C-alpha atoms as a PDB file:
ATOM      1  CA  UNK A   1      38.015  50.622-121.604  1.00  0.00           C
ATOM      2  CA  UNK A   2      37.819  47.317-119.946  1.00  0.00           C
ATOM      3  CA  UNK A   3      38.617  45.591-123.235  1.00  0.00           C
ATOM      4  CA  UNK A   4      41.831  47.915-123.904  1.00  0.00           C
ATOM      5  CA  UNK A   5      42.975  47.217-120.097  1.00  0.00           C
ATOM      6  CA  UNK A   6      42.579  43.247-120.731  1.00  0.00           C
ATOM      7  CA  UNK A   7      44.389  43.746-124.029  1.00  0.00           C
ATOM      8  CA  UNK A   8      47.296  45.687-122.355  1.00  0.00           C
ATOM      9  CA  UNK A   9      47.738  43.176-119.773  1.00  0.00           C
ATOM     10  CA  UNK A  10      47.863  40.183-122.070  1.00  0.00           C
ATOM     11  CA  UNK A  11      50.641  42.176-123.994  1.00  0.00           C
ATOM     12  CA  UNK A  12      52.710  42.606-120.685  1.00  0.00           C
ATOM     13  CA  UNK A  13      52.586  39.118-119.583  1.00  0.00           C
ATOM     14  CA  UNK A  14      55.620  37.952-121.770  1.00  0.00           C
ATOM     15  CA  UNK A  15      57.694  40.760-120.063  1.00  0.00           C
ATOM     16  CA  UNK A  16      56.631  40.022-116.386  1.00  0.00           C
ATOM     17  CA  UNK A  17      59.865  38.076-115.749  1.00  0.00           C
ATOM     18  CA  UNK A  18      62.115  40.717-117.123  1.00  0.00           C
ATOM     19  CA  UNK A  19      60.228  43.370-115.018  1.00  0.00           C
ATOM     20  CA  UNK A  20      60.620  41.186-111.971  1.00  0.00           C
ATOM     21  CA  UNK A  21      64.284  40.781-112.524  1.00  0.00           C
ATOM     22  CA  UNK A  22      64.632  44.607-113.085  1.00  0.00           C
ATOM     23  CA  UNK A  23      62.739  45.511-110.052  1.00  0.00           C
ATOM     24  CA  UNK A  24      64.171  42.700-107.935  1.00  0.00           C
ATOM     25  CA  UNK A  25      67.414  41.473-109.533  1.00  0.00           C
ATOM     26  CA  UNK A  26      68.826  37.987-108.452  1.00  0.00           C
ATOM     27  CA  UNK A  27      71.716  37.898-110.804  1.00  0.00           C
ATOM     28  CA  UNK A  28      73.611  41.213-110.249  1.00  0.00           C
ATOM     29  CA  UNK A  29      76.867  39.198-110.040  1.00  0.00           C
ATOM     30  CA  UNK A  30      77.486  36.933-112.887  1.00  0.00           C
ATOM     31  CA  UNK A  31      78.987  34.048-110.734  1.00  0.00           C
ATOM     32  CA  UNK A  32      80.180  33.751-107.295  1.00  0.00           C
ATOM     33  CA  UNK A  33      83.918  33.885-107.346  1.00  0.00           C
ATOM     34  CA  UNK A  34      86.653  36.053-106.153  1.00  0.00           C
ATOM     35  CA  UNK A  35      88.855  36.992-109.174  1.00  0.00           C
ATOM     36  CA  UNK A  36      91.285  39.090-107.337  1.00  0.00           C
ATOM     37  CA  UNK A  37      92.151  35.809-105.467  1.00  0.00           C
ATOM     38  CA  UNK A  38      92.663  37.283-101.957  1.00  0.00           C
ATOM     39  CA  UNK A  39      95.350  34.787-100.877  1.00  0.00           C
ATOM     40  CA  UNK A  40      98.787  35.859-101.918  1.00  0.00           C
ATOM     41  CA  UNK A  41      99.667  33.488-104.976  1.00  0.00           C
ATOM     42  CA  UNK A  42     103.197  33.487-103.856  1.00  0.00           C
ATOM     43  CA  UNK A  43     102.449  32.426-100.144  1.00  0.00           C
ATOM     44  CA  UNK A  44     104.476  29.224-100.126  1.00  0.00           C
ATOM     45  CA  UNK A  45     107.666  31.047-101.174  1.00  0.00           C
ATOM     46  CA  UNK A  46     107.285  34.037 -98.913  1.00  0.00           C
ATOM     47  CA  UNK A  47     106.426  31.846 -95.799  1.00  0.00           C
ATOM     48  CA  UNK A  48     109.434  29.789 -96.428  1.00  0.00           C
ATOM     49  CA  UNK A  49     111.784  32.739 -96.789  1.00  0.00           C
ATOM     50  CA  UNK A  50     110.174  34.387 -93.820  1.00  0.00           C
ATOM     51  CA  UNK A  51     111.018  31.191 -91.774  1.00  0.00           C
ATOM     52  CA  UNK A  52     114.665  31.137 -93.094  1.00  0.00           C
ATOM     53  CA  UNK A  53     115.115  34.657 -92.244  1.00  0.00           C
ATOM     54  CA  UNK A  54     113.918  34.459 -88.668  1.00  0.00           C
ATOM     55  CA  UNK A  55     115.932  31.111 -87.883  1.00  0.00           C
ATOM     56  CA  UNK A  56     119.135  31.733 -89.813  1.00  0.00           C
ATOM     57  CA  UNK A  57     121.136  34.763 -88.932  1.00  0.00           C
ATOM     58  CA  UNK A  58     124.278  36.013 -90.760  1.00  0.00           C
ATOM     59  CA  UNK A  59     126.634  35.100 -88.046  1.00  0.00           C
ATOM     60  CA  UNK A  60     125.263  31.352 -88.176  1.00  0.00           C
ATOM     61  CA  UNK A  61     125.900  31.364 -91.830  1.00  0.00           C
ATOM     62  CA  UNK A  62     129.580  32.522 -91.243  1.00  0.00           C
ATOM     63  CA  UNK A  63     130.249  30.050 -88.506  1.00  0.00           C
ATOM     64  CA  UNK A  64     128.844  27.306 -90.864  1.00  0.00           C
ATOM     65  CA  UNK A  65     131.028  28.255 -93.864  1.00  0.00           C
ATOM     66  CA  UNK A  66     133.939  28.327 -91.560  1.00  0.00           C
ATOM     67  CA  UNK A  67     133.251  24.831 -90.237  1.00  0.00           C
ATOM     68  CA  UNK A  68     131.291  21.858 -91.699  1.00  0.00           C
ATOM     69  CA  UNK A  69     129.111  24.294 -93.963  1.00  0.00           C
ATOM     70  CA  UNK A  70     125.844  22.828 -92.259  1.00  0.00           C
ATOM     71  CA  UNK A  71     123.479  24.162 -89.680  1.00  0.00           C
ATOM     72  CA  UNK A  72     120.095  23.215 -88.305  1.00  0.00           C
ATOM     73  CA  UNK A  73     116.618  24.591 -89.475  1.00  0.00           C
ATOM     74  CA  UNK A  74     113.524  23.313 -87.886  1.00  0.00           C
ATOM     75  CA  UNK A  75     115.241  20.156 -87.215  1.00  0.00           C
ATOM     76  CA  UNK A  76     116.383  19.813 -90.739  1.00  0.00           C
ATOM     77  CA  UNK A  77     119.952  19.969 -91.850  1.00  0.00           C
ATOM     78  CA  UNK A  78     120.784  22.993 -94.089  1.00  0.00           C
ATOM     79  CA  UNK A  79     123.831  23.029 -96.366  1.00  0.00           C
ATOM     80  CA  UNK A  80     125.354  26.649 -96.976  1.00  0.00           C
ATOM     81  CA  UNK A  81     127.079  27.279-100.106  1.00  0.00           C
ATOM     82  CA  UNK A  82     128.498  30.451-101.670  1.00  0.00           C
ATOM     83  CA  UNK A  83     127.897  29.162-105.381  1.00  0.00           C
ATOM     84  CA  UNK A  84     127.321  25.636-106.223  1.00  0.00           C
ATOM     85  CA  UNK A  85     127.262  23.271-109.078  1.00  0.00           C
ATOM     86  CA  UNK A  86     125.435  19.759-108.426  1.00  0.00           C
ATOM     87  CA  UNK A  87     127.132  17.033-110.190  1.00  0.00           C
ATOM     88  CA  UNK A  88     124.838  15.023-112.598  1.00  0.00           C
ATOM     89  CA  UNK A  89     123.050  11.978-111.096  1.00  0.00           C
ATOM     90  CA  UNK A  90     123.326  13.177-107.498  1.00  0.00           C
ATOM     91  CA  UNK A  91     120.693  12.965-104.904  1.00  0.00           C
ATOM     92  CA  UNK A  92     120.589  15.642-101.873  1.00  0.00           C
ATOM     93  CA  UNK A  93     118.549  15.127 -98.773  1.00  0.00           C
ATOM     94  CA  UNK A  94     119.270  18.412 -97.215  1.00  0.00           C
ATOM     95  CA  UNK A  95     117.853  21.963 -97.531  1.00  0.00           C
ATOM     96  CA  UNK A  96     120.288  23.812 -99.614  1.00  0.00           C
ATOM     97  CA  UNK A  97     120.988  27.755 -98.940  1.00  0.00           C
ATOM     98  CA  UNK A  98     122.956  29.456-101.763  1.00  0.00           C
ATOM     99  CA  UNK A  99     124.398  32.854-101.309  1.00  0.00           C
ATOM    100  CA  UNK A 100     125.258  33.187-105.114  1.00  0.00           C
ATOM    101  CA  UNK A 101     124.189  31.075-108.209  1.00  0.00           C
ATOM    102  CA  UNK A 102     123.120  27.662-108.380  1.00  0.00           C
ATOM    103  CA  UNK A 103     123.673  25.245-110.979  1.00  0.00           C
ATOM    104  CA  UNK A 104     122.796  21.742-111.284  1.00  0.00           C
ATOM    105  CA  UNK A 105     123.705  18.829-114.081  1.00  0.00           C
ATOM    106  CA  UNK A 106     121.303  16.254-115.456  1.00  0.00           C
ATOM    107  CA  UNK A 107     119.149  13.811-113.482  1.00  0.00           C
ATOM    108  CA  UNK A 108     119.579  15.562-109.956  1.00  0.00           C
ATOM    109  CA  UNK A 109     117.254  14.801-107.315  1.00  0.00           C
ATOM    110  CA  UNK A 110     116.736  17.356-104.589  1.00  0.00           C
ATOM    111  CA  UNK A 111     114.486  16.022-101.868  1.00  0.00           C
ATOM    112  CA  UNK A 112     114.421  19.099 -99.763  1.00  0.00           C
ATOM    113  CA  UNK A 113     113.648  22.855-100.466  1.00  0.00           C
ATOM    114  CA  UNK A 114     116.340  25.166-102.066  1.00  0.00           C
ATOM    115  CA  UNK A 115     116.972  28.983-101.450  1.00  0.00           C
ATOM    116  CA  UNK A 116     119.083  30.726-103.890  1.00  0.00           C
ATOM    117  CA  UNK A 117     120.003  34.477-103.488  1.00  0.00           C
ATOM    118  CA  UNK A 118     121.402  34.474-107.121  1.00  0.00           C
ATOM    119  CA  UNK A 119     120.190  32.971-110.245  1.00  0.00           C
ATOM    120  CA  UNK A 120     119.288  29.199-110.522  1.00  0.00           C
ATOM    121  CA  UNK A 121     119.908  26.942-113.685  1.00  0.00           C
ATOM    122  CA  UNK A 122     118.512  23.602-113.490  1.00  0.00           C
ATOM    123  CA  UNK A 123     119.665  20.928-115.441  1.00  0.00           C
ATOM    124  CA  UNK A 124     117.469  18.362-117.574  1.00  0.00           C
ATOM    125  CA  UNK A 125     115.451  15.716-115.886  1.00  0.00           C
ATOM    126  CA  UNK A 126     115.891  17.046-112.442  1.00  0.00           C
ATOM    127  CA  UNK A 127     113.504  16.598-109.571  1.00  0.00           C
ATOM    128  CA  UNK A 128     113.190  19.188-107.096  1.00  0.00           C
ATOM    129  CA  UNK A 129     110.721  19.523-103.909  1.00  0.00           C
ATOM    130  CA  UNK A 130     110.583  23.286-104.117  1.00  0.00           C
ATOM    131  CA  UNK A 131     112.835  26.124-104.823  1.00  0.00           C
ATOM    132  CA  UNK A 132     112.715  29.868-103.805  1.00  0.00           C
ATOM    133  CA  UNK A 133     115.004  32.270-105.818  1.00  0.00           C
ATOM    134  CA  UNK A 134     115.826  36.105-105.547  1.00  0.00           C
ATOM    135  CA  UNK A 135     117.103  36.220-109.097  1.00  0.00           C
ATOM    136  CA  UNK A 136     115.877  34.273-112.173  1.00  0.00           C
ATOM    137  CA  UNK A 137     115.106  30.492-112.545  1.00  0.00           C
ATOM    138  CA  UNK A 138     115.846  28.545-115.800  1.00  0.00           C
ATOM    139  CA  UNK A 139     114.252  25.148-115.615  1.00  0.00           C
ATOM    140  CA  UNK A 140     115.819  22.378-117.875  1.00  0.00           C
ATOM    141  CA  UNK A 141     113.651  20.087-119.953  1.00  0.00           C
ATOM    142  CA  UNK A 142     111.654  17.298-118.305  1.00  0.00           C
ATOM    143  CA  UNK A 143     112.281  18.829-114.791  1.00  0.00           C
ATOM    144  CA  UNK A 144     109.581  17.790-112.214  1.00  0.00           C
ATOM    145  CA  UNK A 145     108.611  20.127-109.442  1.00  0.00           C
ATOM    146  CA  UNK A 146     107.055  18.280-106.622  1.00  0.00           C
ATOM    147  CA  UNK A 147     105.680  21.276-104.794  1.00  0.00           C
ATOM    148  CA  UNK A 148     106.408  24.695-105.889  1.00  0.00           C
ATOM    149  CA  UNK A 149     108.642  27.204-107.689  1.00  0.00           C
ATOM    150  CA  UNK A 150     109.110  30.941-107.161  1.00  0.00           C
ATOM    151  CA  UNK A 151     111.397  33.694-108.339  1.00  0.00           C
ATOM    152  CA  UNK A 152     111.664  37.417-107.720  1.00  0.00           C
ATOM    153  CA  UNK A 153     112.799  37.897-111.385  1.00  0.00           C
ATOM    154  CA  UNK A 154     111.763  35.843-114.405  1.00  0.00           C
ATOM    155  CA  UNK A 155     111.256  32.123-114.989  1.00  0.00           C
ATOM    156  CA  UNK A 156     111.993  30.347-118.107  1.00  0.00           C
ATOM    157  CA  UNK A 157     110.957  26.681-118.498  1.00  0.00           C
ATOM    158  CA  UNK A 158     111.931  24.369-121.243  1.00  0.00           C
ATOM    159  CA  UNK A 159     109.765  21.698-122.533  1.00  0.00           C
ATOM    160  CA  UNK A 160     108.186  18.757-120.789  1.00  0.00           C
ATOM    161  CA  UNK A 161     108.240  20.256-117.257  1.00  0.00           C
ATOM    162  CA  UNK A 162     105.939  19.360-114.488  1.00  0.00           C
ATOM    163  CA  UNK A 163     105.510  22.417-112.462  1.00  0.00           C
ATOM    164  CA  UNK A 164     103.995  21.073-109.224  1.00  0.00           C
ATOM    165  CA  UNK A 165     101.193  22.913-107.190  1.00  0.00           C
ATOM    166  CA  UNK A 166     102.347  26.413-107.945  1.00  0.00           C
ATOM    167  CA  UNK A 167     104.820  28.395-110.129  1.00  0.00           C
ATOM    168  CA  UNK A 168     105.105  32.109-109.335  1.00  0.00           C
ATOM    169  CA  UNK A 169     107.173  35.005-110.290  1.00  0.00           C
ATOM    170  CA  UNK A 170     107.400  38.752-109.496  1.00  0.00           C
ATOM    171  CA  UNK A 171     108.520  39.406-113.043  1.00  0.00           C
ATOM    172  CA  UNK A 172     107.718  37.212-115.987  1.00  0.00           C
ATOM    173  CA  UNK A 173     107.062  33.549-116.838  1.00  0.00           C
ATOM    174  CA  UNK A 174     107.551  31.723-120.173  1.00  0.00           C
ATOM    175  CA  UNK A 175     106.246  28.245-120.307  1.00  0.00           C
ATOM    176  CA  UNK A 176     107.836  25.701-122.612  1.00  0.00           C
ATOM    177  CA  UNK A 177     105.891  23.190-124.733  1.00  0.00           C
ATOM    178  CA  UNK A 178     104.136  20.438-123.138  1.00  0.00           C
ATOM    179  CA  UNK A 179     104.637  21.928-119.762  1.00  0.00           C
ATOM    180  CA  UNK A 180     102.050  20.975-117.236  1.00  0.00           C
ATOM    181  CA  UNK A 181     100.707  23.259-114.535  1.00  0.00           C
ATOM    182  CA  UNK A 182      97.947  23.971-111.714  1.00  0.00           C
ATOM    183  CA  UNK A 183      98.637  27.449-110.802  1.00  0.00           C
ATOM    184  CA  UNK A 184     100.657  30.171-112.608  1.00  0.00           C
ATOM    185  CA  UNK A 185     101.089  33.663-111.357  1.00  0.00           C
ATOM    186  CA  UNK A 186     103.370  36.623-112.793  1.00  0.00           C
ATOM    187  CA  UNK A 187     103.066  40.057-114.066  1.00  0.00           C
ATOM    188  CA  UNK A 188     103.145  38.472-117.624  1.00  0.00           C
ATOM    189  CA  UNK A 189     102.592  34.668-118.492  1.00  0.00           C
ATOM    190  CA  UNK A 190     103.710  33.762-122.194  1.00  0.00           C
ATOM    191  CA  UNK A 191     104.510  30.682-123.964  1.00  0.00           C
ATOM    192  CA  UNK A 192     106.508  32.423-126.849  1.00  0.00           C
ATOM    193  CA  UNK A 193     107.304  36.016-127.414  1.00  0.00           C
ATOM    194  CA  UNK A 194     104.775  37.815-129.345  1.00  0.00           C
ATOM    195  CA  UNK A 195     106.817  40.206-131.695  1.00  0.00           C
ATOM    196  CA  UNK A 196     105.733  43.607-132.396  1.00  0.00           C
ATOM    197  CA  UNK A 197     104.772  42.953-135.918  1.00  0.00           C
ATOM    198  CA  UNK A 198     102.025  40.508-134.392  1.00  0.00           C
ATOM    199  CA  UNK A 199     100.186  43.412-133.045  1.00  0.00           C
ATOM    200  CA  UNK A 200      97.452  44.800-135.107  1.00  0.00           C
ATOM    201  CA  UNK A 201      94.239  46.762-134.839  1.00  0.00           C
ATOM    202  CA  UNK A 202      91.234  44.868-134.031  1.00  0.00           C
ATOM    203  CA  UNK A 203      88.285  44.399-136.385  1.00  0.00           C
ATOM    204  CA  UNK A 204      85.796  44.543-133.589  1.00  0.00           C
ATOM    205  CA  UNK A 205      85.458  45.886-129.992  1.00  0.00           C
ATOM    206  CA  UNK A 206      83.026  44.782-127.546  1.00  0.00           C
ATOM    207  CA  UNK A 207      82.484  46.415-124.191  1.00  0.00           C
ATOM    208  CA  UNK A 208      80.830  44.828-121.343  1.00  0.00           C
ATOM    209  CA  UNK A 209      80.601  41.405-119.680  1.00  0.00           C
ATOM    210  CA  UNK A 210      79.692  38.140-121.389  1.00  0.00           C
ATOM    211  CA  UNK A 211      77.935  35.106-119.522  1.00  0.00           C
ATOM    212  CA  UNK A 212      76.643  31.964-120.876  1.00  0.00           C
ATOM    213  CA  UNK A 213      75.285  28.806-119.464  1.00  0.00           C
ATOM    214  CA  UNK A 214      76.261  26.574-122.654  1.00  0.00           C
ATOM    215  CA  UNK A 215      79.668  26.143-124.252  1.00  0.00           C
ATOM    216  CA  UNK A 216      81.097  29.561-125.584  1.00  0.00           C
ATOM    217  CA  UNK A 217      83.147  29.966-128.779  1.00  0.00           C
ATOM    218  CA  UNK A 218      84.867  33.469-129.247  1.00  0.00           C
ATOM    219  CA  UNK A 219      86.605  33.815-132.747  1.00  0.00           C
ATOM    220  CA  UNK A 220      87.892  36.592-134.884  1.00  0.00           C
ATOM    221  CA  UNK A 221      90.321  39.617-134.517  1.00  0.00           C
ATOM    222  CA  UNK A 222      88.415  41.111-131.720  1.00  0.00           C
ATOM    223  CA  UNK A 223      88.813  42.782-128.204  1.00  0.00           C
ATOM    224  CA  UNK A 224      86.442  42.240-125.410  1.00  0.00           C
ATOM    225  CA  UNK A 225      86.529  44.971-122.563  1.00  0.00           C
ATOM    226  CA  UNK A 226      85.088  43.000-119.941  1.00  0.00           C
ATOM    227  CA  UNK A 227      84.887  39.724-118.114  1.00  0.00           C
ATOM    228  CA  UNK A 228      83.730  36.300-119.544  1.00  0.00           C
ATOM    229  CA  UNK A 229      81.851  33.796-117.672  1.00  0.00           C
ATOM    230  CA  UNK A 230      80.909  30.316-118.672  1.00  0.00           C
ATOM    231  CA  UNK A 231      79.199  27.390-117.045  1.00  0.00           C
ATOM    232  CA  UNK A 232      80.794  25.079-119.728  1.00  0.00           C
ATOM    233  CA  UNK A 233      83.892  25.202-121.933  1.00  0.00           C
ATOM    234  CA  UNK A 234      85.213  28.515-123.421  1.00  0.00           C
ATOM    235  CA  UNK A 235      87.072  28.475-126.498  1.00  0.00           C
ATOM    236  CA  UNK A 236      89.206  31.686-127.248  1.00  0.00           C
ATOM    237  CA  UNK A 237      90.357  31.819-130.771  1.00  0.00           C
ATOM    238  CA  UNK A 238      93.416  33.249-132.531  1.00  0.00           C
ATOM    239  CA  UNK A 239      93.841  37.097-131.940  1.00  0.00           C
ATOM    240  CA  UNK A 240      91.129  37.261-129.479  1.00  0.00           C
ATOM    241  CA  UNK A 241      92.056  39.757-126.715  1.00  0.00           C
ATOM    242  CA  UNK A 242      90.030  39.746-123.472  1.00  0.00           C
ATOM    243  CA  UNK A 243      90.981  42.602-121.076  1.00  0.00           C
ATOM    244  CA  UNK A 244      88.986  41.270-118.171  1.00  0.00           C
ATOM    245  CA  UNK A 245      88.842  38.106-116.177  1.00  0.00           C
ATOM    246  CA  UNK A 246      87.932  34.595-117.591  1.00  0.00           C
ATOM    247  CA  UNK A 247      86.192  31.941-115.642  1.00  0.00           C
ATOM    248  CA  UNK A 248      84.720  28.480-116.587  1.00  0.00           C
ATOM    249  CA  UNK A 249      83.050  25.567-114.828  1.00  0.00           C
ATOM    250  CA  UNK A 250      84.436  23.487-117.715  1.00  0.00           C
ATOM    251  CA  UNK A 251      87.688  23.918-119.686  1.00  0.00           C
ATOM    252  CA  UNK A 252      89.425  26.904-121.326  1.00  0.00           C
ATOM    253  CA  UNK A 253      91.097  26.613-124.576  1.00  0.00           C
ATOM    254  CA  UNK A 254      93.603  29.487-125.557  1.00  0.00           C
ATOM    255  CA  UNK A 255      94.611  29.463-129.256  1.00  0.00           C
ATOM    256  CA  UNK A 256      97.580  31.105-130.942  1.00  0.00           C
ATOM    257  CA  UNK A 257      98.161  34.983-130.137  1.00  0.00           C
ATOM    258  CA  UNK A 258      95.180  35.050-127.528  1.00  0.00           C
ATOM    259  CA  UNK A 259      95.619  37.505-124.601  1.00  0.00           C
ATOM    260  CA  UNK A 260      93.975  37.960-121.535  1.00  0.00           C
ATOM    261  CA  UNK A 261      94.331  41.088-119.377  1.00  0.00           C
ATOM    262  CA  UNK A 262      96.678  43.868-120.226  1.00  0.00           C
ATOM    263  CA  UNK A 263     100.192  45.033-118.963  1.00  0.00           C
ATOM    264  CA  UNK A 264     100.201  46.364-115.408  1.00  0.00           C
ATOM    265  CA  UNK A 265      96.846  44.990-114.451  1.00  0.00           C
ATOM    266  CA  UNK A 266      96.455  41.507-112.891  1.00  0.00           C
ATOM    267  CA  UNK A 267      93.572  39.496-114.141  1.00  0.00           C
ATOM    268  CA  UNK A 268      92.664  35.772-113.616  1.00  0.00           C
ATOM    269  CA  UNK A 269      91.832  32.755-115.847  1.00  0.00           C
ATOM    270  CA  UNK A 270      90.283  30.028-113.824  1.00  0.00           C
ATOM    271  CA  UNK A 271      88.900  26.884-115.343  1.00  0.00           C
ATOM    272  CA  UNK A 272      87.435  24.064-113.103  1.00  0.00           C
ATOM    273  CA  UNK A 273      88.254  21.194-115.616  1.00  0.00           C
ATOM    274  CA  UNK A 274      91.345  22.237-117.529  1.00  0.00           C
ATOM    275  CA  UNK A 275      93.336  24.805-119.291  1.00  0.00           C
ATOM    276  CA  UNK A 276      94.772  24.052-122.769  1.00  0.00           C
ATOM    277  CA  UNK A 277      97.308  26.514-124.331  1.00  0.00           C
ATOM    278  CA  UNK A 278      97.824  26.172-128.036  1.00  0.00           C
ATOM    279  CA  UNK A 279     100.640  28.421-129.663  1.00  0.00           C
ATOM    280  CA  UNK A 280     101.677  31.690-128.474  1.00  0.00           C
ATOM    281  CA  UNK A 281      99.502  33.464-125.820  1.00  0.00           C
ATOM    282  CA  UNK A 282      99.975  36.070-122.893  1.00  0.00           C
ATOM    283  CA  UNK A 283      98.202  36.381-119.733  1.00  0.00           C
ATOM    284  CA  UNK A 284      98.671  39.158-117.343  1.00  0.00           C
ATOM    285  CA  UNK A 285      98.243  37.784-113.862  1.00  0.00           C
ATOM    286  CA  UNK A 286      96.842  34.234-112.757  1.00  0.00           C
ATOM    287  CA  UNK A 287      96.095  31.058-114.118  1.00  0.00           C
ATOM    288  CA  UNK A 288      94.367  28.266-112.211  1.00  0.00           C
ATOM    289  CA  UNK A 289      92.631  24.885-112.813  1.00  0.00           C
ATOM    290  CA  UNK A 290      91.571  21.949-110.692  1.00  0.00           C
ATOM    291  CA  UNK A 291      92.134  19.881-113.796  1.00  0.00           C
ATOM    292  CA  UNK A 292      94.788  19.544-116.444  1.00  0.00           C
ATOM    293  CA  UNK A 293      96.984  22.773-117.477  1.00  0.00           C
ATOM    294  CA  UNK A 294      98.998  22.048-120.258  1.00  0.00           C
ATOM    295  CA  UNK A 295     100.920  23.863-123.018  1.00  0.00           C
ATOM    296  CA  UNK A 296     100.593  22.162-126.529  1.00  0.00           C
END
């Protein structure tokens, strides 16, 4: 009897750590991070627009348009326009408040914030401190945003844009090739349109979260219904669809036709050291990196 008891205890020794973890779990939550990002990703734009609304009244705008077209805002001069086209190679050091559409030529520098009630069409090689728009924004190639850009509708960027601290939209964002970013938020983020014929049944389905302390490579025509956590780099191959959030302490690489999240559900892809996008991708929600974000 004693020999049998000793033998049984010896068999249980390898399982003691697992039993302890089961009885007193220390790793219930895979990693300490708030994927729902409690801070409003459109905070910069909404704060700016709130201040404009509080300080600038309709009657002030009417008086300004009847006179010099300018008024004061927080000790800054604001230039009011119905609609406006900024000539090429122009530099402006005033806040712009545009009641209709805004358009700029090439090589324009806007040192202060821009607010547009219509659509904004930004020329090539522009430099803009920040822009908030109630319509769509079209950014010309090689445009540099110093701080942030936000639109109530869609944002379309051409190639080689530097997108500042934040680019956000209440609609969709399409990123051009070689664009650089830090934070991107929209109901749908894409690099190129993924046509209907690209959609196909998956070869494999995985339900549940994935966590690794090493580099992680996910390849194949597969769908993961869960979150992915990595302490090092995460490589997401072609045709991989991850329905949950993706977090990495290293880099995240997204290959052609990869997809994060699903329509109507906001998810996050966060990488400490960089996000590298290759080809056509879709992300429903939020992308953020402390390192380099780039569309190759």
